[in-house]
Amino acid sequence: MPIVLATIERRIGDDVLEGILHCQEPVCRQEYPIVDGIPIIVPDVAKYLGDFLWHVNARDDLSAPLETLLGDAAGPGSAFDTTRFHISSYVHDHWGEFDPREAPSAYPSGAMGRCLSAGLDLLGSAGPDGPTLDIGCSVGRSSMTLAGRRTGLVLGIDLNFSMLRVARRALTTGEVVYARRRIGLVYDRRRFAVPVDNPEQVDFWACDAMAMPFAAKHFATVAAMNVLDCVPDPRGLLMAIGALLMADGGAVLATPYDWSTQATLPLGWIGGHSQRGAMEGAAEPQLRALLAAEASQTGLRLVGEVTDFPWHVRLHDRSTVVYSGHLMGVRAV
């Protein structure tokens, strides 16, 4: 049963900034809010708002001096500090290459764009025509890259509302504004223009990758960049991607297998444990087995891979994490 736009509280032209969506199923009748142009479509709206209300209500219009004062007052480990730190790292990776104030570095930003483009190249032909889904879109660079490489609509989904707000600002204004971490609690306000390919094709929603509200066989392309090791059920996510793809649709997957019990319990890991087993705990052969066309458990088949794709994540001026990602192009069986 489709979800429909029930009320519009604030809009600019065709862009609905605030409103309410309704599920049409009589036994459901769930309401889903639209906040700052971002629909929140999750199984348990009350729990989501309870967990993310600080993000939803957070302001992004404070002056740089006041923002730094609030950061000092809130201190390390606060919700304010944690959010600001994560946005600093993600925005630098996604968009930092367009910042004219960025100095040359041995660890350049833009790994997201480079990795996704390489993954699309692994797929070869574009495959069927249709919409594209960007799972774990974060601050939006991957969705913009997909809009430049695909002709249909592109939908970026993520659970982190603060990051979605950055992505939407880039989409609607062509500008990124963020606090770039220098060291400790010291951040510098950065504002710069970013290229936005085909903005009319792109939208961003708050959705759960483990409960995506989409019909089967709906997408021609799916991207899930560094998401497999961030969900409770990686195998379930692969099966969901296989179910969402049209016949011969393609997906780009990337993961550094950076497992954490905060996201995934060890029994759900793809590799990284049971070193006494036949694969000695290696992740790559286990994932290849899940994507083997002749015995696919996921509805996906591997068509190309790069086992060591470099990905740099800046933490502050004196610290950068260097990941070696496993990049794969897959198609629906």
C-alpha atoms as a PDB file:
ATOM      1  CA  MET A   1       0.000   0.000   0.000  1.00  0.00           C
ATOM      2  CA  PRO A   2       1.540   3.376  -0.985  1.00  0.00           C
ATOM      3  CA  ILE A   3       2.471   6.187   1.349  1.00  0.00           C
ATOM      4  CA  VAL A   4       0.835   9.475   0.354  1.00  0.00           C
ATOM      5  CA  LEU A   5       1.473  13.130   1.111  1.00  0.00           C
ATOM      6  CA  ALA A   6      -1.348  14.011   3.503  1.00  0.00           C
ATOM      7  CA  THR A   7      -0.541  17.567   4.594  1.00  0.00           C
ATOM      8  CA  ILE A   8       1.866  20.315   3.589  1.00  0.00           C
ATOM      9  CA  GLU A   9       2.795  22.809   6.276  1.00  0.00           C
ATOM     10  CA  ARG A  10       5.625  24.641   4.520  1.00  0.00           C
ATOM     11  CA  ARG A  11       6.872  24.591   0.952  1.00  0.00           C
ATOM     12  CA  ILE A  12       8.904  26.483  -1.635  1.00  0.00           C
ATOM     13  CA  GLY A  13       7.440  25.780  -5.052  1.00  0.00           C
ATOM     14  CA  ASP A  14       7.274  22.005  -5.453  1.00  0.00           C
ATOM     15  CA  ASP A  15       9.755  21.451  -2.614  1.00  0.00           C
ATOM     16  CA  VAL A  16       7.893  20.354   0.538  1.00  0.00           C
ATOM     17  CA  LEU A  17       9.895  21.493   3.573  1.00  0.00           C
ATOM     18  CA  GLU A  18       7.437  20.429   6.278  1.00  0.00           C
ATOM     19  CA  GLY A  19       4.528  18.045   6.068  1.00  0.00           C
ATOM     20  CA  ILE A  20       3.122  14.662   6.994  1.00  0.00           C
ATOM     21  CA  LEU A  21       3.007  11.434   5.003  1.00  0.00           C
ATOM     22  CA  HIS A  22       0.334   8.795   5.665  1.00  0.00           C
ATOM     23  CA  CYS A  23       0.368   5.054   5.161  1.00  0.00           C
ATOM     24  CA  GLN A  24      -2.851   4.156   3.342  1.00  0.00           C
ATOM     25  CA  GLU A  25      -3.125   0.656   4.836  1.00  0.00           C
ATOM     26  CA  PRO A  26      -6.241   0.671   7.099  1.00  0.00           C
ATOM     27  CA  VAL A  27      -4.564  -1.388   9.838  1.00  0.00           C
ATOM     28  CA  CYS A  28      -1.495   0.835   9.761  1.00  0.00           C
ATOM     29  CA  ARG A  29      -2.352   4.533   9.264  1.00  0.00           C
ATOM     30  CA  GLN A  30       1.196   5.424  10.344  1.00  0.00           C
ATOM     31  CA  GLU A  31       2.237   9.063  10.065  1.00  0.00           C
ATOM     32  CA  TYR A  32       5.704  10.009   8.812  1.00  0.00           C
ATOM     33  CA  PRO A  33       7.008  13.585   9.246  1.00  0.00           C
ATOM     34  CA  ILE A  34       8.846  15.657   6.675  1.00  0.00           C
ATOM     35  CA  VAL A  35      11.353  17.931   8.439  1.00  0.00           C
ATOM     36  CA  ASP A  36      13.549  20.435   6.576  1.00  0.00           C
ATOM     37  CA  GLY A  37      12.604  18.720   3.328  1.00  0.00           C
ATOM     38  CA  ILE A  38      13.673  15.263   4.568  1.00  0.00           C
ATOM     39  CA  PRO A  39      10.974  12.575   4.901  1.00  0.00           C
ATOM     40  CA  ILE A  40      11.468  10.293   7.916  1.00  0.00           C
ATOM     41  CA  ILE A  41      10.174   6.877   6.815  1.00  0.00           C
ATOM     42  CA  VAL A  42      11.181   4.262   9.374  1.00  0.00           C
ATOM     43  CA  PRO A  43       9.272   1.339  10.969  1.00  0.00           C
ATOM     44  CA  ASP A  44       9.087   2.977  14.415  1.00  0.00           C
ATOM     45  CA  VAL A  45       8.858   6.741  14.067  1.00  0.00           C
ATOM     46  CA  ALA A  46       8.514   7.286  17.828  1.00  0.00           C
ATOM     47  CA  LYS A  47      11.720   5.371  18.573  1.00  0.00           C
ATOM     48  CA  TYR A  48      13.597   7.137  15.793  1.00  0.00           C
ATOM     49  CA  LEU A  49      12.564  10.559  17.072  1.00  0.00           C
ATOM     50  CA  GLY A  50      13.442   9.501  20.599  1.00  0.00           C
ATOM     51  CA  ASP A  51      16.920   8.447  19.470  1.00  0.00           C
ATOM     52  CA  PHE A  52      17.558  11.261  16.964  1.00  0.00           C
ATOM     53  CA  LEU A  53      15.492  14.176  18.275  1.00  0.00           C
ATOM     54  CA  TRP A  54      18.645  16.163  19.056  1.00  0.00           C
ATOM     55  CA  HIS A  55      19.703  15.816  15.405  1.00  0.00           C
ATOM     56  CA  VAL A  56      16.254  16.700  14.070  1.00  0.00           C
ATOM     57  CA  ASN A  57      16.011  19.826  16.232  1.00  0.00           C
ATOM     58  CA  ALA A  58      19.657  20.865  15.875  1.00  0.00           C
ATOM     59  CA  ARG A  59      20.312  24.346  14.473  1.00  0.00           C
ATOM     60  CA  ASP A  60      22.617  25.011  11.551  1.00  0.00           C
ATOM     61  CA  ASP A  61      22.338  28.813  11.520  1.00  0.00           C
ATOM     62  CA  LEU A  62      24.637  29.717  14.432  1.00  0.00           C
ATOM     63  CA  SER A  63      27.620  31.990  13.913  1.00  0.00           C
ATOM     64  CA  ALA A  64      31.040  30.355  13.985  1.00  0.00           C
ATOM     65  CA  PRO A  65      32.108  32.051  17.282  1.00  0.00           C
ATOM     66  CA  LEU A  66      28.937  30.945  19.080  1.00  0.00           C
ATOM     67  CA  GLU A  67      29.255  27.421  17.683  1.00  0.00           C
ATOM     68  CA  THR A  68      32.793  27.143  19.048  1.00  0.00           C
ATOM     69  CA  LEU A  69      31.656  28.475  22.435  1.00  0.00           C
ATOM     70  CA  LEU A  70      28.893  25.861  22.601  1.00  0.00           C
ATOM     71  CA  GLY A  71      31.406  23.167  21.672  1.00  0.00           C
ATOM     72  CA  ASP A  72      33.746  24.214  24.469  1.00  0.00           C
ATOM     73  CA  ALA A  73      30.884  24.310  26.956  1.00  0.00           C
ATOM     74  CA  ALA A  74      29.381  20.972  25.924  1.00  0.00           C
ATOM     75  CA  GLY A  75      32.807  19.355  26.064  1.00  0.00           C
ATOM     76  CA  PRO A  76      34.225  16.133  24.598  1.00  0.00           C
ATOM     77  CA  GLY A  77      31.887  13.172  24.326  1.00  0.00           C
ATOM     78  CA  SER A  78      28.713  15.274  24.284  1.00  0.00           C
ATOM     79  CA  ALA A  79      26.101  14.819  21.563  1.00  0.00           C
ATOM     80  CA  PHE A  80      27.162  18.189  20.147  1.00  0.00           C
ATOM     81  CA  ASP A  81      30.833  17.183  20.059  1.00  0.00           C
ATOM     82  CA  THR A  82      30.213  13.703  18.632  1.00  0.00           C
ATOM     83  CA  THR A  83      27.982  15.004  15.848  1.00  0.00           C
ATOM     84  CA  ARG A  84      30.382  17.804  14.958  1.00  0.00           C
ATOM     85  CA  PHE A  85      33.322  15.362  14.855  1.00  0.00           C
ATOM     86  CA  HIS A  86      31.544  12.896  12.570  1.00  0.00           C
ATOM     87  CA  ILE A  87      30.330  15.607  10.202  1.00  0.00           C
ATOM     88  CA  SER A  88      33.855  17.037  10.036  1.00  0.00           C
ATOM     89  CA  SER A  89      35.296  13.691   8.927  1.00  0.00           C
ATOM     90  CA  TYR A  90      32.528  12.787   6.495  1.00  0.00           C
ATOM     91  CA  VAL A  91      32.233  16.202   4.834  1.00  0.00           C
ATOM     92  CA  HIS A  92      35.997  16.418   4.387  1.00  0.00           C
ATOM     93  CA  ASP A  93      36.006  13.034   2.658  1.00  0.00           C
ATOM     94  CA  HIS A  94      32.941  13.659   0.493  1.00  0.00           C
ATOM     95  CA  TRP A  95      33.446  17.320  -0.414  1.00  0.00           C
ATOM     96  CA  GLY A  96      36.866  18.510   0.805  1.00  0.00           C
ATOM     97  CA  GLU A  97      38.486  18.414  -2.630  1.00  0.00           C
ATOM     98  CA  PHE A  98      36.330  21.418  -3.603  1.00  0.00           C
ATOM     99  CA  ASP A  99      37.415  23.516  -0.605  1.00  0.00           C
ATOM    100  CA  PRO A 100      39.846  26.182  -1.892  1.00  0.00           C
ATOM    101  CA  ARG A 101      41.379  26.437   1.578  1.00  0.00           C
ATOM    102  CA  GLU A 102      42.467  22.792   1.655  1.00  0.00           C
ATOM    103  CA  ALA A 103      46.239  22.389   1.398  1.00  0.00           C
ATOM    104  CA  PRO A 104      47.797  19.520  -0.597  1.00  0.00           C
ATOM    105  CA  SER A 105      47.994  16.371   1.490  1.00  0.00           C
ATOM    106  CA  ALA A 106      49.481  12.906   1.304  1.00  0.00           C
ATOM    107  CA  TYR A 107      45.969  11.712   2.213  1.00  0.00           C
ATOM    108  CA  PRO A 108      43.665  13.479  -0.252  1.00  0.00           C
ATOM    109  CA  SER A 109      39.936  13.843   0.308  1.00  0.00           C
ATOM    110  CA  GLY A 110      37.385  12.593  -2.210  1.00  0.00           C
ATOM    111  CA  ALA A 111      37.785   8.863  -1.627  1.00  0.00           C
ATOM    112  CA  MET A 112      34.013   8.409  -1.688  1.00  0.00           C
ATOM    113  CA  GLY A 113      33.719   9.839  -5.183  1.00  0.00           C
ATOM    114  CA  ARG A 114      36.747   7.937  -6.504  1.00  0.00           C
ATOM    115  CA  CYS A 115      35.648   4.627  -5.005  1.00  0.00           C
ATOM    116  CA  LEU A 116      32.073   4.875  -6.252  1.00  0.00           C
ATOM    117  CA  SER A 117      33.178   5.868  -9.762  1.00  0.00           C
ATOM    118  CA  ALA A 118      35.572   2.903  -9.854  1.00  0.00           C
ATOM    119  CA  GLY A 119      32.747   0.627  -8.702  1.00  0.00           C
ATOM    120  CA  LEU A 120      30.440   1.860 -11.453  1.00  0.00           C
ATOM    121  CA  ASP A 121      33.244   1.161 -13.929  1.00  0.00           C
ATOM    122  CA  LEU A 122      33.400  -2.429 -12.628  1.00  0.00           C
ATOM    123  CA  LEU A 123      29.746  -2.856 -13.602  1.00  0.00           C
ATOM    124  CA  GLY A 124      30.532  -1.979 -17.204  1.00  0.00           C
ATOM    125  CA  SER A 125      27.263  -1.210 -18.983  1.00  0.00           C
ATOM    126  CA  ALA A 126      24.669   0.858 -17.175  1.00  0.00           C
ATOM    127  CA  GLY A 127      22.124  -1.978 -17.269  1.00  0.00           C
ATOM    128  CA  PRO A 128      18.371  -1.329 -17.235  1.00  0.00           C
ATOM    129  CA  ASP A 129      16.853   2.138 -17.045  1.00  0.00           C
ATOM    130  CA  GLY A 130      15.316   3.078 -13.737  1.00  0.00           C
ATOM    131  CA  PRO A 131      15.868   4.810 -10.413  1.00  0.00           C
ATOM    132  CA  THR A 132      19.001   4.499  -8.276  1.00  0.00           C
ATOM    133  CA  LEU A 133      19.183   3.906  -4.513  1.00  0.00           C
ATOM    134  CA  ASP A 134      22.157   5.157  -2.473  1.00  0.00           C
ATOM    135  CA  ILE A 135      22.153   3.283   0.858  1.00  0.00           C
ATOM    136  CA  GLY A 136      24.100   5.089   3.587  1.00  0.00           C
ATOM    137  CA  CYS A 137      24.418   8.303   1.574  1.00  0.00           C
ATOM    138  CA  SER A 138      25.777  10.309   4.538  1.00  0.00           C
ATOM    139  CA  VAL A 139      26.473  13.919   3.467  1.00  0.00           C
ATOM    140  CA  GLY A 140      25.500  13.339  -0.144  1.00  0.00           C
ATOM    141  CA  ARG A 141      28.540  13.121  -2.413  1.00  0.00           C
ATOM    142  CA  SER A 142      27.764   9.567  -3.496  1.00  0.00           C
ATOM    143  CA  SER A 143      24.210  10.483  -4.515  1.00  0.00           C
ATOM    144  CA  MET A 144      25.503  13.430  -6.568  1.00  0.00           C
ATOM    145  CA  THR A 145      28.074  11.172  -8.244  1.00  0.00           C
ATOM    146  CA  LEU A 146      25.335   8.697  -9.123  1.00  0.00           C
ATOM    147  CA  ALA A 147      23.198  11.486 -10.603  1.00  0.00           C
ATOM    148  CA  GLY A 148      26.104  12.338 -12.883  1.00  0.00           C
ATOM    149  CA  ARG A 149      26.460   8.718 -14.039  1.00  0.00           C
ATOM    150  CA  ARG A 150      22.830   7.573 -14.244  1.00  0.00           C
ATOM    151  CA  THR A 151      19.845   9.094 -16.038  1.00  0.00           C
ATOM    152  CA  GLY A 152      17.028   8.215 -13.618  1.00  0.00           C
ATOM    153  CA  LEU A 153      16.033   9.491 -10.195  1.00  0.00           C
ATOM    154  CA  VAL A 154      18.550   9.030  -7.355  1.00  0.00           C
ATOM    155  CA  LEU A 155      17.399   8.557  -3.766  1.00  0.00           C
ATOM    156  CA  GLY A 156      19.938   8.797  -0.939  1.00  0.00           C
ATOM    157  CA  ILE A 157      18.944   7.220   2.384  1.00  0.00           C
ATOM    158  CA  ASP A 158      20.602   7.341   5.789  1.00  0.00           C
ATOM    159  CA  LEU A 159      19.561   7.261   9.434  1.00  0.00           C
ATOM    160  CA  ASN A 160      21.783  10.167  10.508  1.00  0.00           C
ATOM    161  CA  PHE A 161      19.563  13.239  10.209  1.00  0.00           C
ATOM    162  CA  SER A 162      22.394  15.730  10.758  1.00  0.00           C
ATOM    163  CA  MET A 163      24.293  14.323   7.801  1.00  0.00           C
ATOM    164  CA  LEU A 164      21.172  14.282   5.646  1.00  0.00           C
ATOM    165  CA  ARG A 165      20.726  17.969   6.435  1.00  0.00           C
ATOM    166  CA  VAL A 166      24.239  18.672   5.082  1.00  0.00           C
ATOM    167  CA  ALA A 167      23.456  16.623   1.967  1.00  0.00           C
ATOM    168  CA  ARG A 168      20.212  18.483   1.343  1.00  0.00           C
ATOM    169  CA  ARG A 169      21.879  21.869   1.758  1.00  0.00           C
ATOM    170  CA  ALA A 170      24.476  20.890  -0.854  1.00  0.00           C
ATOM    171  CA  LEU A 171      21.660  19.754  -3.145  1.00  0.00           C
ATOM    172  CA  THR A 172      19.459  22.840  -2.821  1.00  0.00           C
ATOM    173  CA  THR A 173      22.108  25.591  -2.536  1.00  0.00           C
ATOM    174  CA  GLY A 174      25.225  24.123  -4.163  1.00  0.00           C
ATOM    175  CA  GLU A 175      27.117  24.977  -1.005  1.00  0.00           C
ATOM    176  CA  VAL A 176      28.661  23.091   1.914  1.00  0.00           C
ATOM    177  CA  VAL A 177      29.003  24.694   5.351  1.00  0.00           C
ATOM    178  CA  TYR A 178      30.607  22.744   8.171  1.00  0.00           C
ATOM    179  CA  ALA A 179      32.943  22.896  11.159  1.00  0.00           C
ATOM    180  CA  ARG A 180      36.281  21.329  10.177  1.00  0.00           C
ATOM    181  CA  ARG A 181      38.138  19.876  13.136  1.00  0.00           C
ATOM    182  CA  ARG A 182      41.620  21.241  13.685  1.00  0.00           C
ATOM    183  CA  ILE A 183      42.495  19.484  16.960  1.00  0.00           C
ATOM    184  CA  GLY A 184      40.620  18.552  20.147  1.00  0.00           C
ATOM    185  CA  LEU A 185      37.630  20.879  20.502  1.00  0.00           C
ATOM    186  CA  VAL A 186      39.056  23.426  18.041  1.00  0.00           C
ATOM    187  CA  TYR A 187      37.041  23.669  14.804  1.00  0.00           C
ATOM    188  CA  ASP A 188      37.153  26.093  11.867  1.00  0.00           C
ATOM    189  CA  ARG A 189      34.047  27.101   9.912  1.00  0.00           C
ATOM    190  CA  ARG A 190      34.353  26.228   6.222  1.00  0.00           C
ATOM    191  CA  ARG A 191      31.971  27.375   3.487  1.00  0.00           C
ATOM    192  CA  PHE A 192      32.474  26.625  -0.214  1.00  0.00           C
ATOM    193  CA  ALA A 193      30.619  25.813  -3.400  1.00  0.00           C
ATOM    194  CA  VAL A 194      30.300  22.232  -4.629  1.00  0.00           C
ATOM    195  CA  PRO A 195      29.242  20.869  -8.025  1.00  0.00           C
ATOM    196  CA  VAL A 196      25.765  19.376  -8.092  1.00  0.00           C
ATOM    197  CA  ASP A 197      24.939  17.238 -11.114  1.00  0.00           C
ATOM    198  CA  ASN A 198      21.277  17.115 -12.118  1.00  0.00           C
ATOM    199  CA  PRO A 199      19.825  18.255  -8.751  1.00  0.00           C
ATOM    200  CA  GLU A 200      16.283  17.719 -10.000  1.00  0.00           C
ATOM    201  CA  GLN A 201      17.043  13.963 -10.052  1.00  0.00           C
ATOM    202  CA  VAL A 202      18.121  13.695  -6.387  1.00  0.00           C
ATOM    203  CA  ASP A 203      16.341  13.494  -3.040  1.00  0.00           C
ATOM    204  CA  PHE A 204      17.300  12.446   0.490  1.00  0.00           C
ATOM    205  CA  TRP A 205      15.199  10.450   2.980  1.00  0.00           C
ATOM    206  CA  ALA A 206      15.773   9.213   6.520  1.00  0.00           C
ATOM    207  CA  CYS A 207      15.339   5.428   6.215  1.00  0.00           C
ATOM    208  CA  ASP A 208      16.691   2.302   7.874  1.00  0.00           C
ATOM    209  CA  ALA A 209      18.802   0.109   5.564  1.00  0.00           C
ATOM    210  CA  MET A 210      17.429  -2.945   7.366  1.00  0.00           C
ATOM    211  CA  ALA A 211      13.791  -1.942   6.780  1.00  0.00           C
ATOM    212  CA  MET A 212      13.660  -0.134   3.452  1.00  0.00           C
ATOM    213  CA  PRO A 213      10.155   0.972   2.360  1.00  0.00           C
ATOM    214  CA  PHE A 214      10.457   0.065  -1.321  1.00  0.00           C
ATOM    215  CA  ALA A 215       8.827  -2.441  -3.645  1.00  0.00           C
ATOM    216  CA  ALA A 216      10.827  -5.392  -4.985  1.00  0.00           C
ATOM    217  CA  LYS A 217      12.598  -5.048  -8.349  1.00  0.00           C
ATOM    218  CA  HIS A 218      12.218  -1.255  -8.219  1.00  0.00           C
ATOM    219  CA  PHE A 219      15.818  -0.044  -8.708  1.00  0.00           C
ATOM    220  CA  ALA A 220      18.165  -0.275 -11.670  1.00  0.00           C
ATOM    221  CA  THR A 221      21.235   0.601  -9.575  1.00  0.00           C
ATOM    222  CA  VAL A 222      22.048   0.391  -5.870  1.00  0.00           C
ATOM    223  CA  ALA A 223      25.120   1.701  -4.047  1.00  0.00           C
ATOM    224  CA  ALA A 224      26.115   0.687  -0.517  1.00  0.00           C
ATOM    225  CA  MET A 225      29.460   2.293   0.228  1.00  0.00           C
ATOM    226  CA  ASN A 226      30.998   1.187   3.536  1.00  0.00           C
ATOM    227  CA  VAL A 227      27.640   0.034   4.864  1.00  0.00           C
ATOM    228  CA  LEU A 228      27.974  -3.762   5.198  1.00  0.00           C
ATOM    229  CA  ASP A 229      30.034  -3.472   8.382  1.00  0.00           C
ATOM    230  CA  CYS A 230      27.673  -0.865   9.864  1.00  0.00           C
ATOM    231  CA  VAL A 231      24.377  -2.815  10.013  1.00  0.00           C
ATOM    232  CA  PRO A 232      23.103  -5.525  12.399  1.00  0.00           C
ATOM    233  CA  ASP A 233      22.651  -8.110   9.608  1.00  0.00           C
ATOM    234  CA  PRO A 234      25.089  -7.772   6.668  1.00  0.00           C
ATOM    235  CA  ARG A 235      23.767 -10.906   4.931  1.00  0.00           C
ATOM    236  CA  GLY A 236      20.228  -9.583   5.308  1.00  0.00           C
ATOM    237  CA  LEU A 237      21.285  -6.308   3.692  1.00  0.00           C
ATOM    238  CA  LEU A 238      22.772  -8.182   0.716  1.00  0.00           C
ATOM    239  CA  MET A 239      19.528 -10.127   0.318  1.00  0.00           C
ATOM    240  CA  ALA A 240      17.520  -6.882   0.507  1.00  0.00           C
ATOM    241  CA  ILE A 241      19.682  -5.331  -2.225  1.00  0.00           C
ATOM    242  CA  GLY A 242      19.197  -8.432  -4.379  1.00  0.00           C
ATOM    243  CA  ALA A 243      15.430  -8.172  -3.906  1.00  0.00           C
ATOM    244  CA  LEU A 244      15.339  -4.451  -4.766  1.00  0.00           C
ATOM    245  CA  LEU A 245      17.260  -4.725  -8.043  1.00  0.00           C
ATOM    246  CA  MET A 246      15.586  -5.122 -11.411  1.00  0.00           C
ATOM    247  CA  ALA A 247      16.647  -8.021 -13.609  1.00  0.00           C
ATOM    248  CA  ASP A 248      20.319  -7.446 -14.518  1.00  0.00           C
ATOM    249  CA  GLY A 249      20.378  -4.369 -12.300  1.00  0.00           C
ATOM    250  CA  GLY A 250      23.752  -3.497 -10.811  1.00  0.00           C
ATOM    251  CA  ALA A 251      25.047  -2.625  -7.360  1.00  0.00           C
ATOM    252  CA  VAL A 252      28.316  -1.182  -6.086  1.00  0.00           C
ATOM    253  CA  LEU A 253      29.464  -2.425  -2.681  1.00  0.00           C
ATOM    254  CA  ALA A 254      32.485  -1.366  -0.662  1.00  0.00           C
ATOM    255  CA  THR A 255      33.612  -2.372   2.809  1.00  0.00           C
ATOM    256  CA  PRO A 256      36.836  -2.364   4.849  1.00  0.00           C
ATOM    257  CA  TYR A 257      35.376  -5.068   7.140  1.00  0.00           C
ATOM    258  CA  ASP A 258      35.855  -2.695  10.077  1.00  0.00           C
ATOM    259  CA  TRP A 259      33.643  -4.716  12.398  1.00  0.00           C
ATOM    260  CA  SER A 260      32.345  -3.336  15.671  1.00  0.00           C
ATOM    261  CA  THR A 261      29.978  -4.918  18.177  1.00  0.00           C
ATOM    262  CA  GLN A 262      28.209  -1.540  18.430  1.00  0.00           C
ATOM    263  CA  ALA A 263      26.857  -2.165  14.922  1.00  0.00           C
ATOM    264  CA  THR A 264      27.050  -5.931  14.371  1.00  0.00           C
ATOM    265  CA  LEU A 265      27.386  -8.849  16.771  1.00  0.00           C
ATOM    266  CA  PRO A 266      30.315 -11.165  15.878  1.00  0.00           C
ATOM    267  CA  LEU A 267      28.043 -13.973  14.629  1.00  0.00           C
ATOM    268  CA  GLY A 268      26.820 -11.575  11.942  1.00  0.00           C
ATOM    269  CA  TRP A 269      30.296 -10.603  10.741  1.00  0.00           C
ATOM    270  CA  ILE A 270      31.402 -11.733   7.302  1.00  0.00           C
ATOM    271  CA  GLY A 271      34.832 -12.983   8.306  1.00  0.00           C
ATOM    272  CA  GLY A 272      36.925 -11.452  11.041  1.00  0.00           C
ATOM    273  CA  HIS A 273      36.426 -14.363  13.445  1.00  0.00           C
ATOM    274  CA  SER A 274      36.676 -18.180  13.616  1.00  0.00           C
ATOM    275  CA  GLN A 275      40.281 -18.327  12.451  1.00  0.00           C
ATOM    276  CA  ARG A 276      40.238 -22.086  13.045  1.00  0.00           C
ATOM    277  CA  GLY A 277      37.675 -22.543  10.243  1.00  0.00           C
ATOM    278  CA  ALA A 278      38.312 -23.491   6.632  1.00  0.00           C
ATOM    279  CA  MET A 279      38.701 -19.830   5.538  1.00  0.00           C
ATOM    280  CA  GLU A 280      40.790 -18.941   8.628  1.00  0.00           C
ATOM    281  CA  GLY A 281      38.622 -15.939   9.389  1.00  0.00           C
ATOM    282  CA  ALA A 282      39.208 -14.232   6.017  1.00  0.00           C
ATOM    283  CA  ALA A 283      36.363 -11.988   4.912  1.00  0.00           C
ATOM    284  CA  GLU A 284      36.833 -11.845   1.139  1.00  0.00           C
ATOM    285  CA  PRO A 285      36.247 -15.541   0.334  1.00  0.00           C
ATOM    286  CA  GLN A 286      33.184 -15.615   2.576  1.00  0.00           C
ATOM    287  CA  LEU A 287      31.666 -12.630   0.771  1.00  0.00           C
ATOM    288  CA  ARG A 288      32.551 -14.107  -2.616  1.00  0.00           C
ATOM    289  CA  ALA A 289      30.738 -17.297  -1.596  1.00  0.00           C
ATOM    290  CA  LEU A 290      27.638 -15.270  -0.750  1.00  0.00           C
ATOM    291  CA  LEU A 291      27.830 -13.689  -4.213  1.00  0.00           C
ATOM    292  CA  ALA A 292      28.579 -16.861  -6.181  1.00  0.00           C
ATOM    293  CA  ALA A 293      26.151 -16.920  -9.121  1.00  0.00           C
ATOM    294  CA  GLU A 294      25.800 -20.701  -9.150  1.00  0.00           C
ATOM    295  CA  ALA A 295      24.704 -20.844  -5.526  1.00  0.00           C
ATOM    296  CA  SER A 296      23.751 -17.299  -4.670  1.00  0.00           C
ATOM    297  CA  GLN A 297      22.204 -16.825  -1.251  1.00  0.00           C
ATOM    298  CA  THR A 298      21.596 -13.153  -1.945  1.00  0.00           C
ATOM    299  CA  GLY A 299      20.201 -12.834  -5.474  1.00  0.00           C
ATOM    300  CA  LEU A 300      23.483 -11.179  -6.490  1.00  0.00           C
ATOM    301  CA  ARG A 301      26.483 -12.274  -8.564  1.00  0.00           C
ATOM    302  CA  LEU A 302      29.960 -10.780  -8.478  1.00  0.00           C
ATOM    303  CA  VAL A 303      31.102  -9.272 -11.795  1.00  0.00           C
ATOM    304  CA  GLY A 304      34.269  -7.418 -10.742  1.00  0.00           C
ATOM    305  CA  GLU A 305      36.275  -6.379  -7.705  1.00  0.00           C
ATOM    306  CA  VAL A 306      39.224  -4.405  -6.362  1.00  0.00           C
ATOM    307  CA  THR A 307      40.461  -5.977  -3.141  1.00  0.00           C
ATOM    308  CA  ASP A 308      42.490  -3.031  -1.826  1.00  0.00           C
ATOM    309  CA  PHE A 309      40.943   0.323  -2.686  1.00  0.00           C
ATOM    310  CA  PRO A 310      42.521   3.138  -0.606  1.00  0.00           C
ATOM    311  CA  TRP A 311      40.163   5.273   1.463  1.00  0.00           C
ATOM    312  CA  HIS A 312      41.400   8.052   3.762  1.00  0.00           C
ATOM    313  CA  VAL A 313      39.290   9.483   6.590  1.00  0.00           C
ATOM    314  CA  ARG A 314      40.603  12.638   8.219  1.00  0.00           C
ATOM    315  CA  LEU A 315      40.102  12.897  11.997  1.00  0.00           C
ATOM    316  CA  HIS A 316      42.057  16.117  12.651  1.00  0.00           C
ATOM    317  CA  ASP A 317      45.171  17.958  11.459  1.00  0.00           C
ATOM    318  CA  ARG A 318      47.507  15.283  12.810  1.00  0.00           C
ATOM    319  CA  SER A 319      45.455  12.135  12.318  1.00  0.00           C
ATOM    320  CA  THR A 320      44.093  10.332   9.269  1.00  0.00           C
ATOM    321  CA  VAL A 321      42.740   6.778   9.213  1.00  0.00           C
ATOM    322  CA  VAL A 322      43.778   4.837   6.105  1.00  0.00           C
ATOM    323  CA  TYR A 323      41.362   2.066   5.111  1.00  0.00           C
ATOM    324  CA  SER A 324      41.848  -0.583   2.459  1.00  0.00           C
ATOM    325  CA  GLY A 325      38.387  -1.217   1.071  1.00  0.00           C
ATOM    326  CA  HIS A 326      37.053  -4.255  -0.761  1.00  0.00           C
ATOM    327  CA  LEU A 327      35.221  -2.766  -3.751  1.00  0.00           C
ATOM    328  CA  MET A 328      32.770  -4.920  -5.733  1.00  0.00           C
ATOM    329  CA  GLY A 329      30.494  -4.601  -8.698  1.00  0.00           C
ATOM    330  CA  VAL A 330      27.564  -7.048  -8.572  1.00  0.00           C
ATOM    331  CA  ARG A 331      24.457  -7.740 -10.628  1.00  0.00           C
ATOM    332  CA  ALA A 332      21.100  -9.291  -9.901  1.00  0.00           C
ATOM    333  CA  VAL A 333      21.014 -13.007 -10.647  1.00  0.00           C
END
